[in-house]
Amino acid sequence: MAHLRTVFPFSVPDKIATWTRGGLAKSRHRLVTMLPPEGVGAEIGVWKGDFSASLLRYTRPTVLHLIDPWAFQEDLPKAWYGGRSARSQADMDTISDGVSARFATQITAGQVVIHRAPSTEALAGLPDSALDWVYIDGNHLYDGVMADLTSSLTKLRPGGLMACDDYGSPGWWLDGVRRAVDDFVATGAVEAVADLGSQFVMRRPLI
């Protein structure tokens, strides 16, 4: 995947690959190179689909499930979907419509499947062991992350990868991503694979 060098910087030290734009790009590049190509994947937390487009371009999945309720949450005013960017449910509806339009060709071809629903509900509708990888970037509060981790596990094939965004960023979510991931790994349900700064990668055990 040498062509990624034209998109992602390589001069950013790992230790700052958290909040900085270049650091995030480097971490996500390293994550993308770890995901199996031409597999079946899911992205939880889509927003406007920018990273979805990167996943499509560089992993060439046979199917990519895009999961997001696109629901406005006024109780989380610091979140993009709670007032920081979108200001109302109408704004969220517009963003959802934009994602559908953006990937219209892939949707028609069956390569992209959009699930406008809470992540636990959408995942419950997928067969067990159906996914080669899951990328979690939804609700960053501890309970939300833990629910996504737990719900995703059985949907992964044995040996499949699970990754979380913002692992290295405490943010308004009170370090919920790191705390949930660390607690989940400690249960032994998954094997830690890599701490990439802003991204953390795990694997469902083969047995």
N, C-alpha and C. Protein backbone atom coordinates (compact mmCIF):
# COMPACT_ATOMS: atom_id res chain seq x y z
N MET A 1 0.83 -1.19 0.00
CA MET A 1 0.00 0.00 0.00
C MET A 1 0.87 1.26 0.00
N ALA A 2 1.93 1.25 -0.80
CA ALA A 2 2.85 2.39 -0.82
C ALA A 2 2.17 3.67 -1.27
N HIS A 3 1.08 3.55 -2.06
CA HIS A 3 0.41 4.74 -2.55
C HIS A 3 -0.18 5.58 -1.43
N LEU A 4 -0.31 5.01 -0.21
CA LEU A 4 -0.83 5.78 0.90
C LEU A 4 0.13 6.90 1.30
N ARG A 5 1.37 6.82 0.90
CA ARG A 5 2.33 7.85 1.26
C ARG A 5 1.95 9.22 0.70
N THR A 6 1.16 9.24 -0.33
CA THR A 6 0.74 10.52 -0.89
C THR A 6 -0.39 11.14 -0.08
N VAL A 7 -0.98 10.38 0.85
CA VAL A 7 -2.12 10.86 1.62
C VAL A 7 -1.79 11.05 3.09
N PHE A 8 -1.00 10.15 3.65
CA PHE A 8 -0.73 10.18 5.07
C PHE A 8 0.74 10.54 5.34
N PRO A 9 1.00 11.45 6.30
CA PRO A 9 2.38 11.81 6.64
C PRO A 9 3.06 10.71 7.44
N PHE A 10 4.36 10.60 7.28
CA PHE A 10 5.12 9.59 8.01
C PHE A 10 6.15 10.22 8.95
N SER A 11 6.16 11.54 9.09
CA SER A 11 7.17 12.20 9.89
C SER A 11 6.73 12.46 11.32
N VAL A 12 5.53 12.01 11.69
CA VAL A 12 5.00 12.29 13.01
C VAL A 12 5.41 11.19 13.99
N PRO A 13 6.10 11.54 15.09
CA PRO A 13 6.47 10.51 16.06
C PRO A 13 5.25 9.83 16.65
N ASP A 14 5.36 8.55 16.97
CA ASP A 14 4.25 7.81 17.55
C ASP A 14 3.72 8.47 18.81
N LYS A 15 4.62 9.06 19.61
CA LYS A 15 4.20 9.57 20.92
C LYS A 15 3.25 10.75 20.82
N ILE A 16 3.16 11.41 19.67
CA ILE A 16 2.20 12.51 19.54
C ILE A 16 1.08 12.16 18.58
N ALA A 17 0.95 10.89 18.24
CA ALA A 17 -0.09 10.48 17.30
C ALA A 17 -1.43 10.37 18.02
N THR A 18 -1.90 11.49 18.57
CA THR A 18 -3.17 11.52 19.28
C THR A 18 -4.06 12.61 18.73
N TRP A 19 -3.96 13.81 19.27
CA TRP A 19 -4.86 14.88 18.87
C TRP A 19 -4.44 15.60 17.60
N THR A 20 -3.13 15.66 17.29
CA THR A 20 -2.69 16.43 16.15
C THR A 20 -3.21 15.85 14.85
N ARG A 21 -3.48 16.70 13.87
CA ARG A 21 -4.02 16.23 12.60
C ARG A 21 -3.06 15.24 11.94
N GLY A 22 -1.78 15.58 11.93
CA GLY A 22 -0.80 14.67 11.33
C GLY A 22 -0.68 13.38 12.10
N GLY A 23 -0.77 13.47 13.43
CA GLY A 23 -0.68 12.27 14.25
C GLY A 23 -1.86 11.34 14.03
N LEU A 24 -3.05 11.92 13.93
CA LEU A 24 -4.24 11.12 13.67
C LEU A 24 -4.13 10.43 12.31
N ALA A 25 -3.66 11.16 11.32
CA ALA A 25 -3.50 10.58 9.99
C ALA A 25 -2.53 9.42 10.01
N LYS A 26 -1.42 9.59 10.74
CA LYS A 26 -0.44 8.50 10.80
C LYS A 26 -1.04 7.27 11.49
N SER A 27 -1.72 7.50 12.61
CA SER A 27 -2.32 6.37 13.33
C SER A 27 -3.35 5.65 12.46
N ARG A 28 -4.17 6.42 11.77
CA ARG A 28 -5.20 5.79 10.94
C ARG A 28 -4.58 5.09 9.73
N HIS A 29 -3.49 5.63 9.21
CA HIS A 29 -2.80 4.92 8.12
C HIS A 29 -2.33 3.56 8.59
N ARG A 30 -1.70 3.54 9.76
CA ARG A 30 -1.19 2.27 10.27
C ARG A 30 -2.33 1.29 10.54
N LEU A 31 -3.45 1.82 11.01
CA LEU A 31 -4.61 0.96 11.22
C LEU A 31 -5.11 0.38 9.90
N VAL A 32 -5.27 1.24 8.88
CA VAL A 32 -5.78 0.78 7.60
C VAL A 32 -4.91 -0.33 7.01
N THR A 33 -3.61 -0.22 7.18
CA THR A 33 -2.72 -1.24 6.63
C THR A 33 -2.85 -2.58 7.36
N MET A 34 -3.42 -2.55 8.57
CA MET A 34 -3.60 -3.78 9.33
C MET A 34 -4.90 -4.50 9.00
N LEU A 35 -5.87 -3.80 8.45
CA LEU A 35 -7.16 -4.41 8.17
C LEU A 35 -7.06 -5.32 6.94
N PRO A 36 -7.67 -6.50 6.99
CA PRO A 36 -7.58 -7.41 5.85
C PRO A 36 -8.29 -6.83 4.63
N PRO A 37 -7.66 -6.83 3.48
CA PRO A 37 -8.30 -6.30 2.27
C PRO A 37 -9.41 -7.22 1.78
N GLU A 38 -10.36 -6.62 1.09
CA GLU A 38 -11.44 -7.36 0.43
C GLU A 38 -12.22 -8.23 1.41
N GLY A 39 -12.38 -7.72 2.63
CA GLY A 39 -13.16 -8.44 3.62
C GLY A 39 -14.52 -7.79 3.82
N VAL A 40 -15.17 -8.20 4.89
CA VAL A 40 -16.45 -7.60 5.29
C VAL A 40 -16.21 -6.83 6.58
N GLY A 41 -16.50 -5.55 6.54
CA GLY A 41 -16.22 -4.70 7.69
C GLY A 41 -17.41 -3.88 8.12
N ALA A 42 -17.28 -3.26 9.29
CA ALA A 42 -18.32 -2.38 9.80
C ALA A 42 -17.66 -1.17 10.45
N GLU A 43 -18.24 -0.02 10.21
CA GLU A 43 -17.80 1.21 10.88
C GLU A 43 -18.95 1.70 11.74
N ILE A 44 -18.70 1.81 13.03
CA ILE A 44 -19.70 2.31 13.97
C ILE A 44 -19.38 3.77 14.27
N GLY A 45 -20.28 4.66 13.90
CA GLY A 45 -20.03 6.09 14.03
C GLY A 45 -19.48 6.61 12.72
N VAL A 46 -20.35 7.07 11.85
CA VAL A 46 -19.97 7.40 10.48
C VAL A 46 -19.82 8.90 10.27
N TRP A 47 -20.67 9.69 10.96
CA TRP A 47 -20.73 11.14 10.79
C TRP A 47 -20.96 11.48 9.32
N LYS A 48 -20.01 12.13 8.65
CA LYS A 48 -20.22 12.51 7.25
C LYS A 48 -19.59 11.55 6.26
N GLY A 49 -18.96 10.50 6.77
CA GLY A 49 -18.44 9.45 5.89
C GLY A 49 -17.04 9.67 5.38
N ASP A 50 -16.29 10.60 5.97
CA ASP A 50 -14.93 10.85 5.47
C ASP A 50 -14.02 9.64 5.65
N PHE A 51 -14.01 9.06 6.85
CA PHE A 51 -13.16 7.89 7.05
C PHE A 51 -13.75 6.66 6.36
N SER A 52 -15.07 6.64 6.21
CA SER A 52 -15.70 5.56 5.46
C SER A 52 -15.13 5.51 4.04
N ALA A 53 -14.96 6.69 3.45
CA ALA A 53 -14.41 6.76 2.09
C ALA A 53 -13.00 6.21 2.05
N SER A 54 -12.20 6.49 3.09
CA SER A 54 -10.83 5.97 3.15
C SER A 54 -10.84 4.45 3.31
N LEU A 55 -11.74 3.95 4.15
CA LEU A 55 -11.84 2.50 4.33
C LEU A 55 -12.21 1.81 3.02
N LEU A 56 -13.13 2.41 2.30
CA LEU A 56 -13.52 1.85 1.01
C LEU A 56 -12.36 1.86 0.02
N ARG A 57 -11.66 2.97 -0.03
CA ARG A 57 -10.61 3.13 -1.03
C ARG A 57 -9.42 2.22 -0.77
N TYR A 58 -9.04 2.08 0.50
CA TYR A 58 -7.79 1.40 0.78
C TYR A 58 -7.93 -0.04 1.26
N THR A 59 -9.12 -0.45 1.74
CA THR A 59 -9.28 -1.85 2.11
C THR A 59 -10.12 -2.61 1.09
N ARG A 60 -10.82 -1.89 0.20
CA ARG A 60 -11.61 -2.50 -0.88
C ARG A 60 -12.51 -3.63 -0.35
N PRO A 61 -13.33 -3.33 0.65
CA PRO A 61 -14.16 -4.39 1.24
C PRO A 61 -15.20 -4.91 0.27
N THR A 62 -15.53 -6.17 0.41
CA THR A 62 -16.63 -6.70 -0.38
C THR A 62 -17.95 -6.10 0.10
N VAL A 63 -18.05 -5.92 1.43
CA VAL A 63 -19.20 -5.23 2.02
C VAL A 63 -18.70 -4.38 3.18
N LEU A 64 -19.20 -3.14 3.24
CA LEU A 64 -18.90 -2.26 4.37
C LEU A 64 -20.24 -1.83 4.98
N HIS A 65 -20.46 -2.20 6.23
CA HIS A 65 -21.65 -1.80 6.95
C HIS A 65 -21.38 -0.47 7.65
N LEU A 66 -22.15 0.54 7.32
CA LEU A 66 -22.02 1.85 7.95
C LEU A 66 -23.14 2.01 8.96
N ILE A 67 -22.76 2.11 10.23
CA ILE A 67 -23.73 2.10 11.33
C ILE A 67 -23.71 3.43 12.08
N ASP A 68 -24.85 4.09 12.11
CA ASP A 68 -24.94 5.38 12.80
C ASP A 68 -26.43 5.73 12.91
N PRO A 69 -26.89 6.18 14.09
CA PRO A 69 -28.30 6.58 14.18
C PRO A 69 -28.55 7.98 13.64
N TRP A 70 -27.49 8.74 13.46
CA TRP A 70 -27.62 10.15 13.07
C TRP A 70 -28.73 10.81 13.89
N ALA A 71 -28.59 10.66 15.21
CA ALA A 71 -29.57 11.22 16.15
C ALA A 71 -28.94 12.37 16.91
N PHE A 72 -29.62 13.49 16.96
CA PHE A 72 -29.15 14.65 17.71
C PHE A 72 -29.30 14.37 19.20
N GLN A 73 -28.24 14.67 19.98
CA GLN A 73 -28.27 14.45 21.42
C GLN A 73 -27.91 15.75 22.13
N GLU A 74 -28.94 16.49 22.50
CA GLU A 74 -28.71 17.79 23.13
C GLU A 74 -28.10 17.67 24.51
N ASP A 75 -28.14 16.48 25.11
CA ASP A 75 -27.53 16.27 26.42
C ASP A 75 -26.02 16.12 26.33
N LEU A 76 -25.47 16.10 25.12
CA LEU A 76 -24.01 16.01 24.92
C LEU A 76 -23.57 17.20 24.07
N PRO A 77 -23.62 18.42 24.63
CA PRO A 77 -23.36 19.62 23.83
C PRO A 77 -21.95 19.74 23.30
N LYS A 78 -21.00 19.00 23.85
CA LYS A 78 -19.63 19.06 23.36
C LYS A 78 -19.37 18.08 22.22
N ALA A 79 -20.33 17.21 21.96
CA ALA A 79 -20.19 16.26 20.86
C ALA A 79 -20.60 16.91 19.55
N TRP A 80 -20.02 16.45 18.45
CA TRP A 80 -20.40 16.98 17.14
C TRP A 80 -21.90 16.85 16.92
N TYR A 81 -22.46 15.75 17.38
CA TYR A 81 -23.87 15.46 17.15
C TYR A 81 -24.77 15.99 18.27
N GLY A 82 -24.20 16.82 19.15
CA GLY A 82 -24.99 17.35 20.26
C GLY A 82 -24.99 18.87 20.34
N GLY A 83 -24.40 19.51 19.35
CA GLY A 83 -24.39 20.97 19.34
C GLY A 83 -23.08 21.58 18.89
N ARG A 84 -21.99 20.84 19.00
CA ARG A 84 -20.70 21.39 18.59
C ARG A 84 -20.64 21.65 17.09
N SER A 85 -21.27 20.79 16.32
CA SER A 85 -21.35 20.98 14.87
C SER A 85 -22.81 20.98 14.43
N ALA A 86 -23.47 19.83 14.52
CA ALA A 86 -24.91 19.78 14.22
C ALA A 86 -25.67 20.47 15.35
N ARG A 87 -26.67 21.25 14.98
CA ARG A 87 -27.43 22.03 15.96
C ARG A 87 -28.82 21.51 16.22
N SER A 88 -29.26 20.54 15.45
CA SER A 88 -30.63 20.05 15.57
C SER A 88 -30.74 18.68 14.90
N GLN A 89 -31.90 18.04 15.09
CA GLN A 89 -32.14 16.78 14.40
C GLN A 89 -32.21 16.99 12.90
N ALA A 90 -32.68 18.16 12.49
CA ALA A 90 -32.73 18.46 11.05
C ALA A 90 -31.32 18.45 10.46
N ASP A 91 -30.36 18.97 11.21
CA ASP A 91 -28.96 18.93 10.74
C ASP A 91 -28.48 17.50 10.61
N MET A 92 -28.83 16.65 11.58
CA MET A 92 -28.41 15.25 11.53
C MET A 92 -29.06 14.53 10.36
N ASP A 93 -30.32 14.86 10.08
CA ASP A 93 -30.99 14.25 8.93
C ASP A 93 -30.30 14.65 7.63
N THR A 94 -29.86 15.89 7.56
CA THR A 94 -29.15 16.36 6.37
C THR A 94 -27.83 15.62 6.20
N ILE A 95 -27.12 15.41 7.30
CA ILE A 95 -25.85 14.69 7.26
C ILE A 95 -26.09 13.24 6.82
N SER A 96 -27.12 12.61 7.37
CA SER A 96 -27.45 11.24 6.97
C SER A 96 -27.77 11.15 5.49
N ASP A 97 -28.56 12.09 5.00
CA ASP A 97 -28.90 12.10 3.57
C ASP A 97 -27.64 12.30 2.72
N GLY A 98 -26.71 13.11 3.23
CA GLY A 98 -25.46 13.35 2.50
C GLY A 98 -24.62 12.10 2.38
N VAL A 99 -24.59 11.29 3.43
CA VAL A 99 -23.84 10.03 3.39
C VAL A 99 -24.47 9.08 2.37
N SER A 100 -25.77 9.00 2.37
CA SER A 100 -26.46 8.12 1.41
C SER A 100 -26.17 8.55 -0.02
N ALA A 101 -26.15 9.87 -0.24
CA ALA A 101 -25.86 10.38 -1.58
C ALA A 101 -24.39 10.14 -1.95
N ARG A 102 -23.52 10.32 -0.97
CA ARG A 102 -22.08 10.19 -1.22
C ARG A 102 -21.72 8.77 -1.68
N PHE A 103 -22.38 7.78 -1.10
CA PHE A 103 -22.05 6.39 -1.42
C PHE A 103 -23.15 5.70 -2.23
N ALA A 104 -23.91 6.49 -2.97
CA ALA A 104 -25.04 5.95 -3.73
C ALA A 104 -24.61 4.84 -4.68
N THR A 105 -23.49 5.03 -5.36
CA THR A 105 -23.01 4.02 -6.32
C THR A 105 -22.68 2.72 -5.61
N GLN A 106 -21.98 2.82 -4.47
CA GLN A 106 -21.59 1.62 -3.73
C GLN A 106 -22.81 0.95 -3.09
N ILE A 107 -23.79 1.75 -2.69
CA ILE A 107 -25.01 1.18 -2.12
C ILE A 107 -25.76 0.38 -3.18
N THR A 108 -25.87 0.95 -4.36
CA THR A 108 -26.56 0.25 -5.45
C THR A 108 -25.84 -1.06 -5.80
N ALA A 109 -24.50 -1.04 -5.72
CA ALA A 109 -23.72 -2.23 -6.05
C ALA A 109 -23.72 -3.26 -4.92
N GLY A 110 -24.23 -2.89 -3.75
CA GLY A 110 -24.25 -3.81 -2.64
C GLY A 110 -22.97 -3.80 -1.82
N GLN A 111 -22.04 -2.92 -2.16
CA GLN A 111 -20.78 -2.87 -1.41
C GLN A 111 -20.95 -2.14 -0.09
N VAL A 112 -21.82 -1.16 -0.03
CA VAL A 112 -22.10 -0.41 1.19
C VAL A 112 -23.54 -0.66 1.62
N VAL A 113 -23.68 -0.95 2.91
CA VAL A 113 -25.01 -1.12 3.51
C VAL A 113 -25.11 -0.14 4.68
N ILE A 114 -26.07 0.75 4.62
CA ILE A 114 -26.24 1.74 5.67
C ILE A 114 -27.29 1.26 6.67
N HIS A 115 -26.93 1.33 7.95
CA HIS A 115 -27.84 0.98 9.03
C HIS A 115 -28.06 2.25 9.85
N ARG A 116 -29.20 2.91 9.65
CA ARG A 116 -29.49 4.09 10.46
C ARG A 116 -30.23 3.62 11.71
N ALA A 117 -29.44 3.29 12.73
CA ALA A 117 -30.00 2.71 13.95
C ALA A 117 -28.92 2.77 15.03
N PRO A 118 -29.30 2.66 16.29
CA PRO A 118 -28.29 2.52 17.34
C PRO A 118 -27.40 1.33 17.05
N SER A 119 -26.15 1.44 17.41
CA SER A 119 -25.17 0.41 17.05
C SER A 119 -25.54 -0.96 17.58
N THR A 120 -26.01 -1.04 18.82
CA THR A 120 -26.35 -2.36 19.36
C THR A 120 -27.50 -3.00 18.59
N GLU A 121 -28.44 -2.18 18.16
CA GLU A 121 -29.57 -2.69 17.37
C GLU A 121 -29.11 -3.16 15.99
N ALA A 122 -28.27 -2.35 15.35
CA ALA A 122 -27.79 -2.71 14.02
C ALA A 122 -26.93 -3.97 14.07
N LEU A 123 -26.06 -4.07 15.04
CA LEU A 123 -25.20 -5.25 15.16
C LEU A 123 -26.01 -6.50 15.44
N ALA A 124 -27.08 -6.37 16.22
CA ALA A 124 -27.92 -7.52 16.53
C ALA A 124 -28.54 -8.12 15.28
N GLY A 125 -28.69 -7.31 14.24
CA GLY A 125 -29.26 -7.80 12.99
C GLY A 125 -28.28 -8.48 12.07
N LEU A 126 -26.98 -8.49 12.43
CA LEU A 126 -25.97 -9.15 11.61
C LEU A 126 -25.73 -10.57 12.11
N PRO A 127 -25.41 -11.49 11.22
CA PRO A 127 -25.10 -12.86 11.66
C PRO A 127 -23.83 -12.89 12.51
N ASP A 128 -23.73 -13.84 13.42
CA ASP A 128 -22.51 -14.02 14.18
C ASP A 128 -21.37 -14.41 13.24
N SER A 129 -20.18 -13.95 13.57
CA SER A 129 -18.95 -14.25 12.82
C SER A 129 -19.02 -13.77 11.37
N ALA A 130 -19.80 -12.73 11.12
CA ALA A 130 -19.98 -12.25 9.74
C ALA A 130 -18.93 -11.23 9.33
N LEU A 131 -18.21 -10.65 10.28
CA LEU A 131 -17.32 -9.53 9.99
C LEU A 131 -15.85 -9.91 10.13
N ASP A 132 -15.04 -9.37 9.23
CA ASP A 132 -13.59 -9.53 9.34
C ASP A 132 -12.98 -8.46 10.23
N TRP A 133 -13.65 -7.31 10.31
CA TRP A 133 -13.17 -6.23 11.17
C TRP A 133 -14.29 -5.27 11.52
N VAL A 134 -14.12 -4.59 12.65
CA VAL A 134 -15.06 -3.57 13.11
C VAL A 134 -14.26 -2.35 13.55
N TYR A 135 -14.69 -1.18 13.11
CA TYR A 135 -14.06 0.06 13.54
C TYR A 135 -15.07 0.83 14.38
N ILE A 136 -14.72 1.10 15.64
CA ILE A 136 -15.65 1.71 16.59
C ILE A 136 -15.29 3.17 16.83
N ASP A 137 -16.20 4.05 16.45
CA ASP A 137 -16.00 5.49 16.60
C ASP A 137 -17.35 6.16 16.90
N GLY A 138 -18.13 5.52 17.77
CA GLY A 138 -19.46 6.02 18.09
C GLY A 138 -19.47 6.82 19.38
N ASN A 139 -20.42 6.52 20.24
CA ASN A 139 -20.51 7.17 21.54
C ASN A 139 -19.23 6.90 22.34
N HIS A 140 -18.52 7.97 22.72
CA HIS A 140 -17.22 7.81 23.37
C HIS A 140 -17.30 7.67 24.89
N LEU A 141 -18.47 7.83 25.47
CA LEU A 141 -18.59 7.63 26.91
C LEU A 141 -18.38 6.16 27.24
N TYR A 142 -17.92 5.89 28.45
CA TYR A 142 -17.53 4.54 28.85
C TYR A 142 -18.61 3.51 28.51
N ASP A 143 -19.84 3.75 28.93
CA ASP A 143 -20.89 2.77 28.71
C ASP A 143 -21.17 2.54 27.22
N GLY A 144 -21.09 3.62 26.44
CA GLY A 144 -21.31 3.49 25.00
C GLY A 144 -20.23 2.66 24.33
N VAL A 145 -18.99 2.91 24.70
CA VAL A 145 -17.88 2.15 24.12
C VAL A 145 -17.96 0.69 24.53
N MET A 146 -18.23 0.45 25.81
CA MET A 146 -18.31 -0.93 26.29
C MET A 146 -19.44 -1.68 25.59
N ALA A 147 -20.57 -1.01 25.37
CA ALA A 147 -21.68 -1.65 24.66
C ALA A 147 -21.28 -2.01 23.23
N ASP A 148 -20.54 -1.12 22.57
CA ASP A 148 -20.10 -1.41 21.20
C ASP A 148 -19.10 -2.55 21.16
N LEU A 149 -18.18 -2.57 22.11
CA LEU A 149 -17.19 -3.64 22.16
C LEU A 149 -17.88 -4.99 22.39
N THR A 150 -18.78 -5.03 23.34
CA THR A 150 -19.47 -6.28 23.69
C THR A 150 -20.34 -6.77 22.54
N SER A 151 -21.07 -5.84 21.93
CA SER A 151 -21.98 -6.22 20.85
C SER A 151 -21.23 -6.64 19.59
N SER A 152 -20.05 -6.07 19.39
CA SER A 152 -19.27 -6.37 18.18
C SER A 152 -18.58 -7.72 18.24
N LEU A 153 -18.24 -8.16 19.43
CA LEU A 153 -17.36 -9.32 19.57
C LEU A 153 -17.88 -10.56 18.84
N THR A 154 -19.13 -10.92 19.08
CA THR A 154 -19.64 -12.14 18.47
C THR A 154 -19.89 -11.99 16.97
N LYS A 155 -19.92 -10.75 16.48
CA LYS A 155 -20.12 -10.52 15.05
C LYS A 155 -18.82 -10.66 14.27
N LEU A 156 -17.69 -10.67 14.99
CA LEU A 156 -16.39 -10.88 14.36
C LEU A 156 -16.13 -12.37 14.17
N ARG A 157 -15.54 -12.70 13.06
CA ARG A 157 -15.06 -14.07 12.90
C ARG A 157 -13.89 -14.29 13.86
N PRO A 158 -13.63 -15.51 14.29
CA PRO A 158 -12.44 -15.76 15.09
C PRO A 158 -11.19 -15.27 14.35
N GLY A 159 -10.38 -14.50 15.02
CA GLY A 159 -9.21 -13.90 14.40
C GLY A 159 -9.48 -12.53 13.80
N GLY A 160 -10.74 -12.10 13.79
CA GLY A 160 -11.09 -10.80 13.25
C GLY A 160 -10.60 -9.66 14.12
N LEU A 161 -10.46 -8.49 13.53
CA LEU A 161 -9.91 -7.33 14.22
C LEU A 161 -11.00 -6.35 14.64
N MET A 162 -10.77 -5.73 15.79
CA MET A 162 -11.64 -4.70 16.31
C MET A 162 -10.76 -3.51 16.67
N ALA A 163 -11.14 -2.32 16.24
CA ALA A 163 -10.32 -1.13 16.52
C ALA A 163 -11.21 -0.02 17.06
N CYS A 164 -10.62 0.81 17.92
CA CYS A 164 -11.33 1.95 18.51
C CYS A 164 -10.58 3.24 18.20
N ASP A 165 -11.33 4.26 17.83
CA ASP A 165 -10.77 5.59 17.61
C ASP A 165 -10.67 6.34 18.94
N ASP A 166 -9.77 7.31 18.99
CA ASP A 166 -9.61 8.22 20.14
C ASP A 166 -9.21 7.51 21.42
N TYR A 167 -8.52 6.39 21.29
CA TYR A 167 -8.04 5.69 22.49
C TYR A 167 -7.06 6.56 23.27
N GLY A 168 -6.25 7.32 22.56
CA GLY A 168 -5.23 8.13 23.22
C GLY A 168 -5.68 9.54 23.55
N SER A 169 -6.97 9.83 23.44
CA SER A 169 -7.47 11.18 23.65
C SER A 169 -8.51 11.18 24.76
N PRO A 170 -8.26 11.83 25.91
CA PRO A 170 -9.22 11.82 27.02
C PRO A 170 -10.51 12.55 26.69
N GLY A 171 -10.43 13.75 26.13
CA GLY A 171 -11.59 14.46 25.62
C GLY A 171 -12.71 14.71 26.62
N TRP A 172 -13.83 15.23 26.10
CA TRP A 172 -14.99 15.52 26.94
C TRP A 172 -15.65 14.24 27.45
N TRP A 173 -15.27 13.11 26.86
CA TRP A 173 -15.88 11.83 27.22
C TRP A 173 -15.20 11.18 28.43
N LEU A 174 -14.38 11.97 29.14
CA LEU A 174 -13.81 11.53 30.42
C LEU A 174 -12.96 10.27 30.28
N ASP A 175 -12.21 10.22 29.18
CA ASP A 175 -11.33 9.08 28.91
C ASP A 175 -12.10 7.77 28.80
N GLY A 176 -13.36 7.89 28.36
CA GLY A 176 -14.22 6.70 28.30
C GLY A 176 -13.72 5.64 27.34
N VAL A 177 -13.09 6.05 26.24
CA VAL A 177 -12.61 5.07 25.26
C VAL A 177 -11.50 4.23 25.87
N ARG A 178 -10.49 4.90 26.41
CA ARG A 178 -9.36 4.15 26.99
C ARG A 178 -9.82 3.25 28.14
N ARG A 179 -10.65 3.78 29.02
CA ARG A 179 -11.07 3.00 30.17
C ARG A 179 -11.88 1.76 29.75
N ALA A 180 -12.77 1.94 28.79
CA ALA A 180 -13.57 0.80 28.35
C ALA A 180 -12.72 -0.24 27.63
N VAL A 181 -11.83 0.23 26.76
CA VAL A 181 -10.96 -0.71 26.04
C VAL A 181 -10.07 -1.47 27.01
N ASP A 182 -9.46 -0.77 27.94
CA ASP A 182 -8.58 -1.44 28.90
C ASP A 182 -9.35 -2.48 29.72
N ASP A 183 -10.55 -2.12 30.14
CA ASP A 183 -11.34 -3.07 30.92
C ASP A 183 -11.76 -4.27 30.08
N PHE A 184 -12.08 -4.02 28.81
CA PHE A 184 -12.51 -5.11 27.93
C PHE A 184 -11.35 -6.06 27.65
N VAL A 185 -10.18 -5.51 27.39
CA VAL A 185 -9.01 -6.35 27.16
C VAL A 185 -8.70 -7.18 28.40
N ALA A 186 -8.88 -6.57 29.57
CA ALA A 186 -8.57 -7.26 30.83
C ALA A 186 -9.47 -8.47 31.07
N THR A 187 -10.64 -8.52 30.45
CA THR A 187 -11.52 -9.67 30.62
C THR A 187 -11.00 -10.90 29.88
N GLY A 188 -10.09 -10.69 28.93
CA GLY A 188 -9.59 -11.80 28.13
C GLY A 188 -10.45 -12.12 26.92
N ALA A 189 -11.48 -11.32 26.70
CA ALA A 189 -12.37 -11.57 25.56
C ALA A 189 -11.68 -11.30 24.23
N VAL A 190 -10.68 -10.41 24.25
CA VAL A 190 -9.92 -10.08 23.05
C VAL A 190 -8.44 -10.03 23.39
N GLU A 191 -7.63 -10.08 22.35
CA GLU A 191 -6.19 -9.95 22.52
C GLU A 191 -5.76 -8.58 22.03
N ALA A 192 -4.98 -7.87 22.82
CA ALA A 192 -4.46 -6.59 22.38
C ALA A 192 -3.46 -6.81 21.25
N VAL A 193 -3.59 -6.02 20.20
CA VAL A 193 -2.70 -6.15 19.04
C VAL A 193 -1.77 -4.96 18.92
N ALA A 194 -2.30 -3.75 19.01
CA ALA A 194 -1.46 -2.57 18.82
C ALA A 194 -2.09 -1.32 19.42
N ASP A 195 -1.26 -0.52 20.08
CA ASP A 195 -1.63 0.82 20.51
C ASP A 195 -0.96 1.77 19.54
N LEU A 196 -1.76 2.40 18.67
CA LEU A 196 -1.22 3.24 17.61
C LEU A 196 -1.33 4.73 17.94
N GLY A 197 -1.49 5.05 19.20
CA GLY A 197 -1.65 6.44 19.59
C GLY A 197 -3.11 6.77 19.73
N SER A 198 -3.74 7.26 18.67
CA SER A 198 -5.16 7.57 18.73
C SER A 198 -6.03 6.36 18.43
N GLN A 199 -5.42 5.27 17.98
CA GLN A 199 -6.17 4.06 17.61
C GLN A 199 -5.67 2.88 18.44
N PHE A 200 -6.59 2.00 18.82
CA PHE A 200 -6.21 0.79 19.54
C PHE A 200 -6.81 -0.40 18.81
N VAL A 201 -6.01 -1.42 18.58
CA VAL A 201 -6.43 -2.58 17.78
C VAL A 201 -6.42 -3.83 18.64
N MET A 202 -7.49 -4.61 18.52
CA MET A 202 -7.65 -5.87 19.25
C MET A 202 -8.02 -6.98 18.28
N ARG A 203 -7.91 -8.21 18.74
CA ARG A 203 -8.26 -9.35 17.90
C ARG A 203 -9.14 -10.32 18.68
N ARG A 204 -10.17 -10.85 18.02
CA ARG A 204 -10.94 -11.92 18.64
C ARG A 204 -10.09 -13.19 18.56
N PRO A 205 -9.90 -13.87 19.68
CA PRO A 205 -9.07 -15.08 19.66
C PRO A 205 -9.60 -16.12 18.69
N LEU A 206 -8.69 -16.92 18.16
CA LEU A 206 -9.07 -17.98 17.24
C LEU A 206 -9.86 -19.07 17.93
N ILE A 207 -9.61 -19.28 19.20
CA ILE A 207 -10.32 -20.32 19.96
C ILE A 207 -11.06 -19.66 21.12
